[in-house]
Protein backbone atom coordinates (compact mmCIF):
# COMPACT_ATOMS: atom_id res chain seq x y z
CA UNK A 1 105.91 97.28 142.49
CA UNK A 2 107.66 99.41 145.12
CA UNK A 3 108.52 103.10 144.77
CA UNK A 4 112.18 102.33 144.16
CA UNK A 5 111.15 99.91 141.41
CA UNK A 6 109.09 102.68 139.78
CA UNK A 7 112.13 104.98 139.76
CA UNK A 8 114.29 102.18 138.38
CA UNK A 9 111.76 101.58 135.59
CA UNK A 10 111.59 105.25 134.68
CA UNK A 11 115.38 105.48 134.52
CA UNK A 12 115.75 102.30 132.46
CA UNK A 13 117.15 102.55 128.93
CA UNK A 14 114.96 100.57 126.55
CA UNK A 15 116.80 98.98 123.63
CA UNK A 16 113.62 98.08 121.74
CA UNK A 17 110.17 99.65 121.77
CA UNK A 18 108.62 96.26 122.55
CA UNK A 19 110.32 96.30 125.98
CA UNK A 20 107.95 99.05 127.12
CA UNK A 21 104.99 96.67 126.89
CA UNK A 22 106.41 94.01 129.26
CA UNK A 23 104.40 93.12 132.36
CA UNK A 24 105.56 95.29 135.29
CA UNK A 25 104.05 93.13 138.06
CA UNK A 26 100.71 92.68 139.79
CA UNK A 27 100.99 95.46 142.35
CA UNK A 28 98.93 98.67 142.12
CA UNK A 29 101.80 100.60 140.52
CA UNK A 30 102.80 97.65 138.37
CA UNK A 31 99.33 97.21 136.84
CA UNK A 32 98.85 100.93 136.16
CA UNK A 33 102.30 101.45 134.69
CA UNK A 34 101.92 98.32 132.54
CA UNK A 35 98.56 99.59 131.30
CA UNK A 36 99.97 103.04 130.51
CA UNK A 37 102.97 101.65 128.63
CA UNK A 38 100.82 99.22 126.66
CA UNK A 39 98.45 102.02 125.61
CA UNK A 40 101.42 104.11 124.53
CA UNK A 41 102.81 101.17 122.59
CA UNK A 42 99.51 100.60 120.78
CA UNK A 43 99.39 104.31 119.91
CA UNK A 44 102.94 104.08 118.57
CA UNK A 45 101.99 101.06 116.44
CA UNK A 46 98.99 102.84 114.95
CA UNK A 47 101.06 105.93 114.15
CA UNK A 48 103.83 103.86 112.55
CA UNK A 49 101.27 101.93 110.51
CA UNK A 50 99.83 105.20 109.20
CA UNK A 51 103.29 106.58 108.43
CA UNK A 52 104.23 103.39 106.54
CA UNK A 53 100.99 103.52 104.56
CA UNK A 54 101.58 107.15 103.64
CA UNK A 55 105.16 106.36 102.63
CA UNK A 56 104.03 103.43 100.47
CA UNK A 57 101.39 105.56 98.78
CA UNK A 58 104.05 108.19 98.04
CA UNK A 59 106.40 105.58 96.52
CA UNK A 60 103.57 104.13 94.42
CA UNK A 61 102.71 107.59 93.12
CA UNK A 62 106.35 108.35 92.24
CA UNK A 63 106.71 105.03 90.39
CA UNK A 64 103.51 105.54 88.42
CA UNK A 65 104.32 109.17 87.68
CA UNK A 66 107.81 108.34 86.36
CA UNK A 67 106.45 105.65 84.05
CA UNK A 68 103.70 107.98 82.80
CA UNK A 69 106.26 110.70 82.03
CA UNK A 70 108.47 108.26 80.14
CA UNK A 71 105.75 107.59 77.59
CA UNK A 72 105.46 111.17 76.23
CA UNK A 73 109.26 111.47 76.31
CA UNK A 74 109.51 108.36 74.13
CA UNK A 75 107.04 109.89 71.68
CA UNK A 76 109.04 113.14 71.59
CA UNK A 77 112.25 111.21 70.97
CA UNK A 78 110.64 109.30 68.07
CA UNK A 79 109.46 112.56 66.54
CA UNK A 80 112.95 114.04 66.90
CA UNK A 81 114.43 110.99 65.15
CA UNK A 82 111.91 111.47 62.33
CA UNK A 83 113.13 115.06 61.86
CA UNK A 84 116.79 114.32 62.45
CA UNK A 85 119.02 116.98 60.92
CA UNK A 86 116.63 119.85 61.50
CA UNK A 87 118.33 122.75 63.38
CA UNK A 88 115.95 122.62 66.34
CA UNK A 89 116.31 118.89 67.07
CA UNK A 90 119.79 118.98 68.61
CA UNK A 91 118.88 121.23 71.52
CA UNK A 92 115.62 119.41 72.12
CA UNK A 93 117.40 116.03 72.16
CA UNK A 94 119.71 117.29 74.89
CA UNK A 95 116.78 118.44 77.01
CA UNK A 96 114.98 115.11 76.52
CA UNK A 97 118.17 113.33 77.64
CA UNK A 98 118.26 115.45 80.83
CA UNK A 99 114.60 114.69 81.54
CA UNK A 100 115.17 110.96 81.05
CA UNK A 101 118.18 110.99 83.39
CA UNK A 102 116.22 112.90 86.02
CA UNK A 103 113.24 110.57 85.84
CA UNK A 104 115.52 107.54 86.04
CA UNK A 105 117.18 108.92 89.16
CA UNK A 106 113.78 109.62 90.74
CA UNK A 107 112.70 106.05 90.00
CA UNK A 108 115.79 104.50 91.57
CA UNK A 109 115.51 106.82 94.57
CA UNK A 110 111.92 105.69 95.10
CA UNK A 111 112.93 102.04 94.85
CA UNK A 112 115.89 102.18 97.23
CA UNK A 113 113.71 101.67 100.35
CA UNK A 114 112.24 98.50 98.86
CA UNK A 115 115.62 97.22 97.71
CA UNK A 116 115.27 93.81 99.37
CA UNK A 117 112.29 93.06 97.07
CA UNK A 118 113.98 94.30 93.89
CA UNK A 119 117.37 92.68 93.41
CA UNK A 120 118.80 89.46 92.01
CA UNK A 121 122.42 88.54 92.77
CA UNK A 122 124.12 86.66 89.96
CA UNK A 123 127.54 86.17 88.49
CA UNK A 124 128.02 88.66 85.66
CA UNK A 125 130.81 89.53 83.25
CA UNK A 126 131.97 93.06 83.98
CA UNK A 127 133.15 94.12 80.53
CA UNK A 128 129.75 93.91 78.73
CA UNK A 129 128.15 95.98 81.52
CA UNK A 130 130.82 98.65 81.18
CA UNK A 131 130.69 98.76 77.38
CA UNK A 132 126.89 98.95 77.44
CA UNK A 133 127.01 101.81 79.97
CA UNK A 134 129.58 103.69 77.87
CA UNK A 135 127.44 103.22 74.78
CA UNK A 136 124.39 104.55 76.63
CA UNK A 137 126.30 107.76 77.46
CA UNK A 138 127.94 108.13 74.01
CA UNK A 139 126.06 111.33 73.15
CA UNK A 140 127.25 112.91 76.39
CA UNK A 141 130.84 111.86 75.59
CA UNK A 142 130.59 113.36 72.09
CA UNK A 143 128.95 116.59 73.29
CA UNK A 144 131.73 117.23 75.81
CA UNK A 145 134.62 116.08 73.58
CA UNK A 146 135.59 113.35 76.02
CA UNK A 147 136.91 109.97 74.87
CA UNK A 148 136.02 106.82 76.84
CA UNK A 149 138.63 104.14 77.42
CA UNK A 150 137.79 100.67 78.75
CA UNK A 151 140.57 98.50 80.16
CA UNK A 152 138.73 95.41 81.37
CA UNK A 153 139.67 91.79 80.78
CA UNK A 154 136.94 89.58 79.30
CA UNK A 155 137.39 87.02 82.06
CA UNK A 156 136.56 89.32 85.00
CA UNK A 157 133.28 88.38 86.67
CA UNK A 158 131.55 89.73 89.77
CA UNK A 159 128.58 88.84 91.94
CA UNK A 160 126.08 91.67 91.68
CA UNK A 161 122.65 92.79 90.55
CA UNK A 162 123.12 93.83 86.92
CA UNK A 163 120.33 96.43 86.82
CA UNK A 164 121.41 98.28 89.97
CA UNK A 165 125.13 98.09 89.10
CA UNK A 166 124.53 99.56 85.63
CA UNK A 167 122.75 102.50 87.23
CA UNK A 168 125.80 103.06 89.47
CA UNK A 169 128.27 102.82 86.57
CA UNK A 170 126.20 105.20 84.43
CA UNK A 171 126.05 107.68 87.29
CA UNK A 172 129.83 107.53 87.76
CA UNK A 173 130.35 108.02 84.03
CA UNK A 174 127.96 110.97 83.94
CA UNK A 175 129.80 112.65 86.82
CA UNK A 176 133.19 111.98 85.26
CA UNK A 177 132.13 113.51 81.94
CA UNK A 178 130.39 116.49 83.54
CA UNK A 179 133.37 117.45 85.68
CA UNK A 180 135.87 116.89 82.84
CA UNK A 181 134.15 119.30 80.45
CA UNK A 182 136.65 121.72 78.95
CA UNK A 183 139.57 120.22 80.86
CA UNK A 184 140.09 116.48 80.55
CA UNK A 185 140.38 114.38 77.40
CA UNK A 186 139.64 110.88 78.68
CA UNK A 187 137.41 108.98 81.08
CA UNK A 188 138.95 105.60 81.79
CA UNK A 189 137.08 102.58 83.14
CA UNK A 190 139.36 99.79 84.31
CA UNK A 191 138.99 96.60 86.33
CA UNK A 192 141.44 94.22 87.98
CA UNK A 193 141.58 91.57 90.67
CA UNK A 194 143.44 91.70 93.98
CA UNK A 195 143.70 88.99 96.61
CA UNK A 196 140.62 90.26 98.44
CA UNK A 197 138.54 92.04 95.80
CA UNK A 198 137.67 92.69 92.20
CA UNK A 199 138.07 96.43 91.67
CA UNK A 200 136.27 98.61 89.13
CA UNK A 201 137.65 102.14 88.69
CA UNK A 202 136.22 105.15 86.86
CA UNK A 203 138.95 107.79 86.44
CA UNK A 204 138.66 111.25 84.90
CA UNK A 205 141.08 114.11 84.19
CA UNK A 206 138.68 116.82 85.30
CA UNK A 207 138.56 119.63 87.82
CA UNK A 208 138.69 117.35 90.83
CA UNK A 209 137.01 117.77 94.20
CA UNK A 210 138.10 120.22 96.88
CA UNK A 211 139.45 118.44 100.00
CA UNK A 212 136.85 120.11 102.24
CA UNK A 213 134.08 118.61 100.06
CA UNK A 214 135.53 115.13 99.66
CA UNK A 215 134.14 113.74 102.94
CA UNK A 216 130.64 114.98 102.12
CA UNK A 217 130.17 113.91 98.51
CA UNK A 218 128.08 110.88 99.56
CA UNK A 219 125.67 112.99 101.61
CA UNK A 220 122.21 113.44 100.05
CA UNK A 221 121.66 116.77 98.25
CA UNK A 222 125.28 117.87 98.79
CA UNK A 223 126.53 119.61 95.64
CA UNK A 224 129.81 121.08 96.87
CA UNK A 225 131.87 123.82 95.30
CA UNK A 226 132.00 122.22 91.85
CA UNK A 227 128.27 121.55 91.79
CA UNK A 228 127.57 125.21 92.49
CA UNK A 229 129.99 126.25 89.73
CA UNK A 230 128.38 124.01 87.10
CA UNK A 231 124.86 124.55 88.39
CA UNK A 232 123.55 121.17 87.17
CA UNK A 233 124.20 118.97 90.18
CA UNK A 234 121.34 117.48 92.22
CA UNK A 235 123.62 116.13 94.94
CA UNK A 236 121.89 112.75 94.73
CA UNK A 237 123.97 110.74 92.24
CA UNK A 238 126.84 109.68 94.50
CA UNK A 239 124.48 109.31 97.46
CA UNK A 240 122.37 106.79 95.53
CA UNK A 241 125.46 105.06 94.15
CA UNK A 242 126.83 104.52 97.65
CA UNK A 243 123.45 103.35 99.05
CA UNK A 244 123.12 100.83 96.22
CA UNK A 245 126.68 99.57 96.74
CA UNK A 246 126.06 99.21 100.47
CA UNK A 247 122.91 97.18 99.79
CA UNK A 248 124.81 94.93 97.39
CA UNK A 249 127.73 94.58 99.85
CA UNK A 250 130.07 96.41 97.45
CA UNK A 251 132.37 99.16 98.71
CA UNK A 252 132.46 102.57 97.01
CA UNK A 253 135.48 104.82 97.54
CA UNK A 254 136.61 108.10 96.03
CA UNK A 255 139.98 109.81 95.58
CA UNK A 256 140.45 113.23 94.04
CA UNK A 257 142.93 116.04 93.51
CA UNK A 258 141.93 119.53 92.46
CA UNK A 259 142.74 120.20 88.78
CA UNK A 260 144.11 116.67 88.39
CA UNK A 261 140.99 114.51 88.36
CA UNK A 262 138.93 112.01 90.33
CA UNK A 263 138.94 108.24 90.70
CA UNK A 264 135.90 106.39 92.03
CA UNK A 265 136.33 102.70 92.85
CA UNK A 266 133.86 99.87 93.43
CA UNK A 267 135.20 96.91 95.38
CA UNK A 268 133.47 93.55 94.89
CA UNK A 269 133.93 90.56 97.17
CA UNK A 270 135.25 87.50 95.35
CA UNK A 271 132.64 85.22 96.90
CA UNK A 272 128.87 85.68 96.88
CA UNK A 273 127.40 87.42 99.94
CA UNK A 274 123.63 87.57 100.30
CA UNK A 275 122.70 91.27 100.83
CA UNK A 276 119.47 90.30 102.59
């Protein structure tokens, strides 16, 4: 390898880390540079292997911890049901609900990196999923004096993973209720078909989202002006919802107007697309 070749190599833009380990020739400079790059590549591989192991251990811990915490919460909920009607049970039930929602979000966040090993695409009727999600959040609807409305035809079907989609729908409902408190009367879930997509919409009559925040609502940990006002936002709900939709090849969009409400839409392809 000549001097000019050395300079050309050092100025080269590598598009993959494996390119650094290619044979650089049999000259003095070629052998030594090849050896240096290969040693650096092996060091990189060892470091990445350690990082991946640490990450996997962290995910395993989170999964185990969430499941362990769900057991005592289930016991507490059973005890609350046994003493239903007592003055202290209402407030405790609300706190248990918040803990369960937080643990569920932590579990889905931990699983998102291993998504390709944890999904099953199938044709599913949309209406039962929506009604089940509304039923799951009925206590939150009642507490905030919000009425759910479902406008979904029985015949509408989509290709999706039922478990992941239900998490997304429940998150959208939770947000719609939370930001409608004291202002809106209804949260409406509707679905219809266009030429290109099946569209699911969750619409509220709440406080809306400020235009300066609208482009950032899908960023992790972003709470925005409304989140700071309410003080209960983690900034992770819409981020996870969008990541899940991306992995399932669904499209998530949001429209909002301050003091008028927010509409979040999920667009499904008519034909099955393999997310893997």
